[in-house]
Amino acid sequence: MDVFISYKSADRPTVERIRTYLQHAGFSCWIAPDCIPVGSDYGIEIPPALRQAKAFLLILSDAAQTSVWIPKELNAALDAKKQIIPLLLEPITLRDDYAFKLSNVQIHNYYEDPEAAMLSVVQRLKAILRRTSAGSKPKPEPQPKPQPKPQPKPQPKPQPQPKPQPQPKPQPKSQPQPKPQPEPQSKPQADGKKQEETKSSGCVNIVVTIGAALLVLFLVVRGISWIWDRVSDQMIKTVSFGEYEQDGNVLNGKEPIEWIVLDEQDDKKLVISKYGLEYPRYNEEYTAVTWETCSLRTWLNKTFLNAAFSEEEQAGILWTTVTPDENPDYSTFAGNATYDRVFLLSIDEVNRYFSSDYAKRGKATNSAKNGESGTKKCRWWLRTPGHDSTYVAVVEFDGTLEKSGHVVNNSIVAVRPAMWIDSNSTD
């Protein structure tokens, strides 16, 4: 068994994707409770699994630091001198005991770039397995040295008898010697070798040419995609409406809010904030909720509404029937329809109004605080439930949809409010 995965159950959806990625890369994984027989005791099954594993993958998050089992598993892995690979799911400050134990270990940041982090983990695992397999090869048994054969004793050589000297014969007249004919060269064999070398060289050239052409085609397609994304980014239509603190300097007052126009119908526009404005929890408590019952809905339609818009501006924000949006991958209860001014987009609406993952990527304002020092990229909440009612779907840093969701009381996901407004309000 290659990898022992240590994690908190609250992070299970993300851990499932990580395990699937590793298994597709060819690694065998041990993970609880899947690898624990029904009725068995965790304390009995985990130690031998740790001993058999070649590497220890430590999945770290804010929730993971509250686990009782993870510190025990980490200590056991360190005692067994296992290779530790920490993978950080979210930007957190490590607890002192974790920081001490991992002080000389490279930590991979999954939350910044999941694909790059997993590629790095795979390379690390391959290196660990190479070293492990090299160290486990049996040493060849020493072969007995061959014994020298006994040499026979040298016999005295007989003394040579002097031979009579022959009388010189008369030499005949020298006859012309025929010139030696050169041996025929094996031309057919040499020609065959040259033909084989020519064919081999030709095949290599064809393969190299095809490879180069495919590489050029790949780069061209990526380049076109890159250019199109940025051209599309410049082509988006925006409007300014309302004011909210965004630059982190409260002394200079609030800044105008920029909104991306997603749709226009008759005399109204559907807009979403260009930036993540705050990092509120979807729900203050960890419990099963829907958009209808979550605390973020109340915050958007009261606290945010009154802070960002004057009474005149609020009159231009239209009341909208917000339908419950079912998750396309899960059958989680989505609640009932609501009647709101400010709301969040659903998975279906995000796919409908955004042309690519690049367009979905979010950036946070300077004043939005979530503990991520130095980064402007942000995840942002949707209203679609996740794999169960304690999770909600989000858009990730890279613009991909996290349909299984993040836990509802997570504080590292930004909010990008959406609303229908009267077109005359922004003209």
Protein backbone atom coordinates (compact mmCIF):
# COMPACT_ATOMS: atom_id res chain seq x y z
CA MET A 1 0.00 0.00 0.00
CA ASP A 2 1.42 3.34 -1.08
CA VAL A 3 -0.39 6.17 0.76
CA PHE A 4 -2.13 6.49 4.13
CA ILE A 5 -4.57 9.44 3.95
CA SER A 6 -5.25 11.24 7.24
CA TYR A 7 -8.15 13.72 7.16
CA LYS A 8 -11.17 15.22 8.94
CA SER A 9 -14.59 13.91 7.93
CA ALA A 10 -15.80 17.48 7.28
CA ASP A 11 -13.33 17.63 4.36
CA ARG A 12 -14.52 14.34 2.86
CA PRO A 13 -15.79 15.72 -0.52
CA THR A 14 -12.42 17.30 -1.32
CA VAL A 15 -10.54 14.28 0.03
CA GLU A 16 -12.56 12.01 -2.29
CA ARG A 17 -11.33 14.00 -5.30
CA ILE A 18 -7.75 13.82 -4.01
CA ARG A 19 -7.98 10.04 -3.53
CA THR A 20 -9.47 9.57 -7.02
CA TYR A 21 -6.66 11.66 -8.51
CA LEU A 22 -3.99 9.56 -6.76
CA GLN A 23 -5.63 6.28 -7.76
CA HIS A 24 -5.77 7.40 -11.40
CA ALA A 25 -2.05 8.21 -11.08
CA GLY A 26 -1.45 4.58 -10.08
CA PHE A 27 -1.13 4.81 -6.29
CA SER A 28 -2.93 2.54 -3.81
CA CYS A 29 -4.55 4.46 -0.94
CA TRP A 30 -5.67 3.56 2.57
CA ILE A 31 -8.49 5.73 3.91
CA ALA A 32 -10.93 5.39 6.79
CA PRO A 33 -13.64 4.26 7.04
CA ASP A 34 -13.56 2.65 3.56
CA CYS A 35 -10.59 0.39 4.36
CA ILE A 36 -11.79 -0.62 7.83
CA PRO A 37 -13.85 -3.84 7.97
CA VAL A 38 -17.37 -3.48 9.32
CA GLY A 39 -17.40 -3.91 13.08
CA SER A 40 -13.63 -3.47 13.48
CA ASP A 41 -12.02 -1.02 15.88
CA TYR A 42 -10.22 2.01 14.42
CA GLY A 43 -7.48 1.73 17.04
CA ILE A 44 -6.75 -1.83 15.91
CA GLU A 45 -6.88 -1.27 12.15
CA ILE A 46 -4.97 2.02 11.84
CA PRO A 47 -1.51 1.06 13.31
CA PRO A 48 -0.81 -1.84 10.87
CA ALA A 49 -2.05 0.29 7.97
CA LEU A 50 0.41 3.01 8.96
CA ARG A 51 3.26 0.50 9.15
CA GLN A 52 2.51 -0.85 5.69
CA ALA A 53 2.15 2.58 4.04
CA LYS A 54 5.14 4.08 2.28
CA ALA A 55 3.91 7.69 2.66
CA PHE A 56 1.58 9.64 4.96
CA LEU A 57 -0.67 12.22 3.25
CA LEU A 58 -1.81 14.76 5.86
CA ILE A 59 -4.91 16.73 4.76
CA LEU A 60 -4.92 20.00 6.71
CA SER A 61 -7.76 22.46 7.17
CA ASP A 62 -9.29 24.56 9.90
CA ALA A 63 -11.58 21.66 10.76
CA ALA A 64 -8.73 19.14 10.65
CA GLN A 65 -6.90 20.96 13.44
CA THR A 66 -9.79 20.14 15.78
CA SER A 67 -9.55 16.40 15.08
CA VAL A 68 -8.65 13.95 17.86
CA TRP A 69 -7.45 11.21 15.52
CA ILE A 70 -5.20 13.18 13.15
CA PRO A 71 -2.55 14.12 15.80
CA LYS A 72 -2.39 10.46 16.90
CA GLU A 73 -1.95 9.28 13.33
CA LEU A 74 0.70 11.94 12.65
CA ASN A 75 2.66 10.97 15.77
CA ALA A 76 2.52 7.30 14.80
CA ALA A 77 3.71 8.13 11.28
CA LEU A 78 6.63 10.17 12.63
CA ASP A 79 7.58 7.37 15.04
CA ALA A 80 7.54 4.91 12.12
CA LYS A 81 9.74 7.32 10.14
CA LYS A 82 7.20 7.63 7.34
CA GLN A 83 7.51 10.32 4.68
CA ILE A 84 5.01 13.09 5.58
CA ILE A 85 3.26 15.01 2.76
CA PRO A 86 1.06 17.85 4.14
CA LEU A 87 -1.65 19.18 1.81
CA LEU A 88 -3.30 22.47 2.84
CA LEU A 89 -6.96 22.78 1.75
CA GLU A 90 -7.42 26.35 2.91
CA PRO A 91 -5.28 29.27 4.13
CA ILE A 92 -4.98 28.73 7.89
CA THR A 93 -2.53 29.38 10.68
CA LEU A 94 -1.13 26.06 11.83
CA ARG A 95 -1.52 25.17 15.49
CA ASP A 96 1.77 25.23 17.41
CA ASP A 97 2.09 21.44 17.61
CA TYR A 98 1.49 21.04 13.86
CA ALA A 99 3.86 23.90 13.02
CA PHE A 100 6.57 22.29 15.17
CA LYS A 101 6.19 18.78 13.72
CA LEU A 102 6.05 20.04 10.12
CA SER A 103 8.76 22.68 10.43
CA ASN A 104 11.15 20.87 8.07
CA VAL A 105 8.52 19.46 5.69
CA GLN A 106 7.33 21.00 2.42
CA ILE A 107 3.62 21.93 2.61
CA HIS A 108 1.61 21.84 -0.63
CA ASN A 109 -1.09 24.54 -1.00
CA TYR A 110 -4.10 22.85 -2.59
CA TYR A 111 -6.31 25.94 -2.22
CA GLU A 112 -4.10 28.12 -4.44
CA ASP A 113 -3.90 25.75 -7.43
CA PRO A 114 -5.34 22.24 -6.94
CA GLU A 115 -3.91 20.84 -10.18
CA ALA A 116 -0.37 22.13 -9.54
CA ALA A 117 -0.50 20.93 -5.93
CA MET A 118 -1.58 17.41 -6.95
CA LEU A 119 1.10 17.21 -9.63
CA SER A 120 3.67 18.14 -7.00
CA VAL A 121 2.30 15.51 -4.59
CA VAL A 122 2.43 12.85 -7.32
CA GLN A 123 6.06 13.68 -8.10
CA ARG A 124 6.91 13.48 -4.39
CA LEU A 125 5.18 10.11 -4.06
CA LYS A 126 7.01 8.72 -7.09
CA ALA A 127 10.33 9.77 -5.58
CA ILE A 128 9.42 8.16 -2.24
CA LEU A 129 8.40 4.90 -3.91
CA ARG A 130 11.60 4.82 -5.97
CA ARG A 131 13.71 5.21 -2.83
CA THR A 132 11.62 2.64 -0.96
CA SER A 133 11.83 0.05 -3.73
CA ALA A 134 15.57 0.63 -4.12
CA GLY A 135 16.14 0.15 -0.39
CA SER A 136 14.09 -3.05 -0.29
CA LYS A 137 15.97 -4.96 -3.03
CA PRO A 138 17.69 -8.09 -1.61
CA LYS A 139 21.48 -8.02 -1.65
CA PRO A 140 23.08 -10.68 -3.88
CA GLU A 141 24.60 -13.59 -1.94
CA PRO A 142 28.40 -13.71 -2.15
CA GLN A 143 29.60 -16.31 -4.65
CA PRO A 144 32.44 -18.64 -3.55
CA LYS A 145 35.73 -17.77 -5.14
CA PRO A 146 36.91 -20.36 -7.66
CA GLN A 147 39.80 -22.51 -6.32
CA PRO A 148 42.90 -22.48 -8.53
CA LYS A 149 43.53 -25.81 -10.24
CA PRO A 150 46.76 -27.54 -9.22
CA GLN A 151 49.41 -27.05 -11.89
CA PRO A 152 51.52 -30.09 -12.90
CA LYS A 153 55.17 -29.93 -12.08
CA PRO A 154 57.24 -28.86 -15.06
CA GLN A 155 59.21 -31.75 -16.71
CA PRO A 156 62.74 -31.07 -17.85
CA LYS A 157 62.82 -30.45 -21.56
CA PRO A 158 65.08 -32.69 -23.69
CA GLN A 159 68.08 -31.01 -25.16
CA PRO A 160 67.70 -30.46 -28.90
CA GLN A 161 70.19 -32.36 -31.11
CA PRO A 162 72.01 -30.29 -33.68
CA LYS A 163 70.59 -30.88 -37.19
CA PRO A 164 72.82 -31.12 -40.23
CA GLN A 165 72.85 -27.97 -42.24
CA PRO A 166 71.15 -28.38 -45.63
CA GLN A 167 73.14 -27.57 -48.72
CA PRO A 168 71.84 -24.53 -50.55
CA LYS A 169 69.94 -25.46 -53.70
CA PRO A 170 70.40 -23.49 -56.84
CA GLN A 171 67.76 -20.85 -57.17
CA PRO A 172 65.62 -20.95 -60.29
CA LYS A 173 65.08 -17.90 -62.35
CA SER A 174 62.44 -15.71 -60.89
CA GLN A 175 59.05 -16.10 -62.53
CA PRO A 176 56.57 -13.23 -62.56
CA GLN A 177 54.08 -13.72 -59.73
CA PRO A 178 50.39 -13.19 -60.50
CA LYS A 179 48.87 -10.13 -58.86
CA PRO A 180 46.56 -10.94 -55.94
CA GLN A 181 42.95 -10.33 -56.82
CA PRO A 182 40.99 -8.22 -54.29
CA GLU A 183 38.31 -10.15 -52.44
CA PRO A 184 34.80 -9.23 -53.48
CA GLN A 185 33.11 -6.88 -51.01
CA SER A 186 29.77 -7.81 -49.58
CA LYS A 187 27.97 -4.84 -51.12
CA PRO A 188 24.44 -6.21 -50.73
CA GLN A 189 24.90 -6.56 -46.96
CA ALA A 190 26.31 -3.04 -46.60
CA ASP A 191 23.55 -1.62 -48.77
CA GLY A 192 20.93 -3.38 -46.64
CA LYS A 193 22.31 -1.85 -43.45
CA LYS A 194 22.29 1.59 -45.03
CA GLN A 195 18.69 1.12 -46.11
CA GLU A 196 17.66 0.04 -42.59
CA GLU A 197 19.45 3.05 -41.09
CA THR A 198 17.76 5.33 -43.62
CA LYS A 199 14.32 3.88 -42.81
CA SER A 200 14.93 4.19 -39.06
CA SER A 201 16.14 7.76 -39.45
CA GLY A 202 13.09 8.55 -41.58
CA CYS A 203 10.70 7.15 -38.94
CA VAL A 204 12.39 9.17 -36.22
CA ASN A 205 12.10 12.32 -38.32
CA ILE A 206 8.40 11.66 -38.95
CA VAL A 207 7.72 11.13 -35.23
CA VAL A 208 9.66 14.29 -34.32
CA THR A 209 7.80 16.28 -36.99
CA ILE A 210 4.39 15.04 -35.83
CA GLY A 211 5.28 15.75 -32.19
CA ALA A 212 6.44 19.24 -33.02
CA ALA A 213 3.27 19.88 -35.04
CA LEU A 214 1.06 18.69 -32.17
CA LEU A 215 2.98 20.87 -29.71
CA VAL A 216 2.58 23.90 -31.97
CA LEU A 217 -1.14 23.13 -32.37
CA PHE A 218 -1.54 22.80 -28.60
CA LEU A 219 0.23 26.10 -27.99
CA VAL A 220 -1.83 27.83 -30.67
CA VAL A 221 -5.10 26.56 -29.15
CA ARG A 222 -4.00 27.58 -25.66
CA GLY A 223 -2.91 30.95 -26.96
CA ILE A 224 -6.22 31.54 -28.73
CA SER A 225 -8.09 30.50 -25.58
CA TRP A 226 -5.91 32.82 -23.46
CA ILE A 227 -6.48 35.75 -25.86
CA TRP A 228 -10.22 35.07 -26.10
CA ASP A 229 -10.61 34.96 -22.33
CA ARG A 230 -8.90 38.31 -21.94
CA VAL A 231 -10.72 39.89 -24.86
CA SER A 232 -14.00 38.65 -23.36
CA ASP A 233 -12.93 40.12 -20.03
CA GLN A 234 -12.47 43.50 -21.70
CA MET A 235 -15.80 43.21 -23.52
CA ILE A 236 -17.95 42.69 -20.43
CA LYS A 237 -20.43 45.45 -19.75
CA THR A 238 -20.29 47.04 -16.29
CA VAL A 239 -22.28 49.69 -14.46
CA SER A 240 -21.72 51.59 -11.21
CA PHE A 241 -24.51 51.46 -8.66
CA GLY A 242 -24.41 52.03 -4.92
CA GLU A 243 -21.36 52.49 -2.67
CA TYR A 244 -19.48 50.15 -0.31
CA GLU A 245 -16.16 50.22 1.52
CA GLN A 246 -13.66 48.46 -0.77
CA ASP A 247 -10.17 50.01 -0.69
CA GLY A 248 -9.52 49.36 3.02
CA ASN A 249 -9.30 53.05 3.85
CA VAL A 250 -12.44 54.12 5.73
CA LEU A 251 -11.18 57.71 5.99
CA ASN A 252 -11.77 58.43 2.30
CA GLY A 253 -15.35 57.13 2.36
CA LYS A 254 -17.05 54.39 0.42
CA GLU A 255 -16.23 53.51 -3.18
CA PRO A 256 -18.76 53.01 -6.02
CA ILE A 257 -19.70 49.35 -6.55
CA GLU A 258 -18.98 47.95 -10.02
CA TRP A 259 -21.52 45.47 -11.37
CA ILE A 260 -21.22 43.12 -14.34
CA VAL A 261 -24.35 43.11 -16.51
CA LEU A 262 -25.30 39.47 -17.08
CA ASP A 263 -28.64 39.93 -18.81
CA GLU A 264 -30.94 42.69 -20.06
CA GLN A 265 -34.68 42.28 -20.49
CA ASP A 266 -36.91 45.17 -21.53
CA ASP A 267 -36.28 47.82 -18.86
CA LYS A 268 -34.37 45.73 -16.32
CA LYS A 269 -30.86 44.32 -15.92
CA LEU A 270 -29.48 41.32 -14.04
CA VAL A 271 -26.19 42.32 -12.40
CA ILE A 272 -23.56 40.72 -10.14
CA SER A 273 -20.82 42.53 -8.25
CA LYS A 274 -17.51 42.48 -10.12
CA TYR A 275 -15.60 41.78 -6.89
CA GLY A 276 -16.10 39.74 -3.75
CA LEU A 277 -17.22 42.39 -1.27
CA GLU A 278 -17.14 40.50 2.02
CA TYR A 279 -16.43 37.05 3.49
CA PRO A 280 -19.65 36.30 5.40
CA ARG A 281 -20.60 32.76 6.39
CA TYR A 282 -23.44 31.22 4.39
CA ASN A 283 -24.93 30.39 7.76
CA GLU A 284 -23.62 31.41 11.16
CA GLU A 285 -24.16 27.96 12.67
CA TYR A 286 -23.19 24.55 11.37
CA THR A 287 -26.59 23.09 10.59
CA ALA A 288 -28.69 21.95 7.65
CA VAL A 289 -30.01 25.01 5.79
CA THR A 290 -31.30 26.14 2.39
CA TRP A 291 -31.17 29.54 0.71
CA GLU A 292 -34.58 30.18 2.25
CA THR A 293 -33.34 29.70 5.84
CA CYS A 294 -29.64 30.75 5.71
CA SER A 295 -28.33 33.81 7.58
CA LEU A 296 -26.56 35.16 4.46
CA ARG A 297 -29.93 35.81 2.79
CA THR A 298 -30.94 38.01 5.74
CA TRP A 299 -27.58 39.80 5.73
CA LEU A 300 -27.80 40.62 2.01
CA ASN A 301 -31.39 41.91 2.12
CA LYS A 302 -30.96 43.98 5.29
CA THR A 303 -27.40 44.80 6.40
CA PHE A 304 -25.81 44.98 2.95
CA LEU A 305 -28.83 46.55 1.27
CA ASN A 306 -28.96 49.43 3.79
CA ALA A 307 -25.18 49.89 3.86
CA ALA A 308 -24.68 50.01 0.07
CA PHE A 309 -27.74 51.83 -1.28
CA SER A 310 -29.67 55.01 -0.56
CA GLU A 311 -33.46 54.94 -0.32
CA GLU A 312 -33.67 56.24 -3.88
CA GLU A 313 -31.30 53.54 -5.13
CA GLN A 314 -33.17 50.84 -3.20
CA ALA A 315 -36.31 51.83 -5.06
CA GLY A 316 -34.56 50.83 -8.28
CA ILE A 317 -33.76 47.30 -7.00
CA LEU A 318 -36.53 44.97 -8.14
CA TRP A 319 -38.19 42.29 -6.05
CA THR A 320 -37.47 38.90 -7.62
CA THR A 321 -38.81 35.39 -7.20
CA VAL A 322 -35.73 33.30 -6.45
CA THR A 323 -36.35 29.68 -7.36
CA PRO A 324 -34.78 26.77 -5.45
CA ASP A 325 -31.97 25.33 -7.54
CA GLU A 326 -31.36 21.58 -7.35
CA ASN A 327 -27.78 20.33 -7.51
CA PRO A 328 -27.22 18.47 -10.83
CA ASP A 329 -24.97 15.88 -9.13
CA TYR A 330 -26.82 15.37 -5.83
CA SER A 331 -30.45 15.10 -4.74
CA THR A 332 -30.08 17.47 -1.78
CA PHE A 333 -33.23 19.31 -0.68
CA ALA A 334 -33.09 22.88 -2.08
CA GLY A 335 -35.90 24.47 -0.06
CA ASN A 336 -38.72 26.70 -1.26
CA ALA A 337 -38.85 29.71 -3.57
CA THR A 338 -38.20 33.11 -1.96
CA TYR A 339 -39.02 36.72 -2.82
CA ASP A 340 -35.87 38.85 -2.51
CA ARG A 341 -34.16 41.97 -3.76
CA VAL A 342 -30.60 40.68 -3.36
CA PHE A 343 -29.68 37.04 -3.89
CA LEU A 344 -26.93 34.64 -4.97
CA LEU A 345 -26.60 32.96 -8.34
CA SER A 346 -27.23 29.23 -8.74
CA ILE A 347 -25.12 26.61 -10.54
CA ASP A 348 -27.50 26.76 -13.50
CA GLU A 349 -27.31 30.57 -13.71
CA VAL A 350 -23.51 30.64 -13.45
CA ASN A 351 -23.22 28.19 -16.34
CA ARG A 352 -25.76 30.18 -18.34
CA TYR A 353 -24.27 33.66 -17.90
CA PHE A 354 -20.50 33.01 -17.75
CA SER A 355 -18.77 31.83 -20.93
CA SER A 356 -15.76 30.09 -19.34
CA ASP A 357 -14.06 29.16 -16.08
CA TYR A 358 -11.78 32.15 -16.61
CA ALA A 359 -14.81 34.46 -16.65
CA LYS A 360 -16.10 32.88 -13.42
CA ARG A 361 -12.90 33.57 -11.46
CA GLY A 362 -13.39 35.97 -8.58
CA LYS A 363 -11.28 38.72 -7.01
CA ALA A 364 -11.83 40.24 -3.60
CA THR A 365 -11.63 43.91 -2.67
CA ASN A 366 -8.86 45.24 -0.44
CA SER A 367 -11.22 45.66 2.49
CA ALA A 368 -12.63 42.11 2.33
CA LYS A 369 -10.98 40.19 5.17
CA ASN A 370 -10.67 36.42 5.38
CA GLY A 371 -7.17 35.85 6.71
CA GLU A 372 -5.58 35.24 3.28
CA SER A 373 -2.72 37.71 3.36
CA GLY A 374 -1.60 39.01 0.00
CA THR A 375 -4.09 37.24 -2.27
CA LYS A 376 -6.92 38.86 -4.21
CA LYS A 377 -8.31 35.64 -5.69
CA CYS A 378 -11.44 34.39 -3.98
CA ARG A 379 -13.97 31.63 -3.94
CA TRP A 380 -17.57 32.84 -3.98
CA TRP A 381 -20.86 31.45 -2.70
CA LEU A 382 -23.72 30.11 -4.81
CA ARG A 383 -27.19 29.35 -3.44
CA THR A 384 -27.30 25.73 -4.70
CA PRO A 385 -26.97 23.13 -1.91
CA GLY A 386 -23.93 20.83 -1.91
CA HIS A 387 -23.74 17.07 -1.39
CA ASP A 388 -25.86 17.51 1.73
CA SER A 389 -27.71 20.37 3.44
CA THR A 390 -24.71 21.41 5.55
CA TYR A 391 -22.71 22.20 2.39
CA VAL A 392 -23.25 24.82 -0.32
CA ALA A 393 -21.84 24.95 -3.85
CA VAL A 394 -19.12 27.52 -4.58
CA VAL A 395 -17.00 28.80 -7.47
CA GLU A 396 -13.35 27.96 -6.79
CA PHE A 397 -10.25 30.15 -7.26
CA ASP A 398 -9.71 28.86 -10.81
CA GLY A 399 -13.34 29.38 -11.82
CA THR A 400 -14.36 25.73 -11.62
CA LEU A 401 -17.58 24.75 -9.87
CA GLU A 402 -17.30 22.94 -6.54
CA LYS A 403 -20.67 21.19 -6.73
CA SER A 404 -20.13 19.09 -3.60
CA GLY A 405 -19.76 22.39 -1.77
CA HIS A 406 -18.09 23.95 1.26
CA VAL A 407 -19.42 23.70 4.79
CA VAL A 408 -22.09 26.37 5.47
CA ASN A 409 -20.24 28.09 8.34
CA ASN A 410 -16.99 28.41 6.39
CA SER A 411 -15.50 31.91 6.56
CA ILE A 412 -13.11 31.70 3.57
CA VAL A 413 -15.71 32.11 0.80
CA ALA A 414 -16.60 35.58 -0.50
CA VAL A 415 -19.99 36.94 -1.51
CA ARG A 416 -20.81 38.44 -4.90
CA PRO A 417 -24.38 39.77 -4.59
CA ALA A 418 -26.72 39.56 -7.57
CA MET A 419 -29.96 41.47 -8.26
CA TRP A 420 -32.32 42.72 -10.93
CA ILE A 421 -32.32 46.50 -11.20
CA ASP A 422 -34.38 49.03 -13.13
CA SER A 423 -32.38 50.07 -16.21
CA ASN A 424 -33.21 53.72 -15.54
CA SER A 425 -31.42 53.50 -12.18
CA THR A 426 -27.98 53.29 -13.84
CA ASP A 427 -28.50 55.34 -17.02
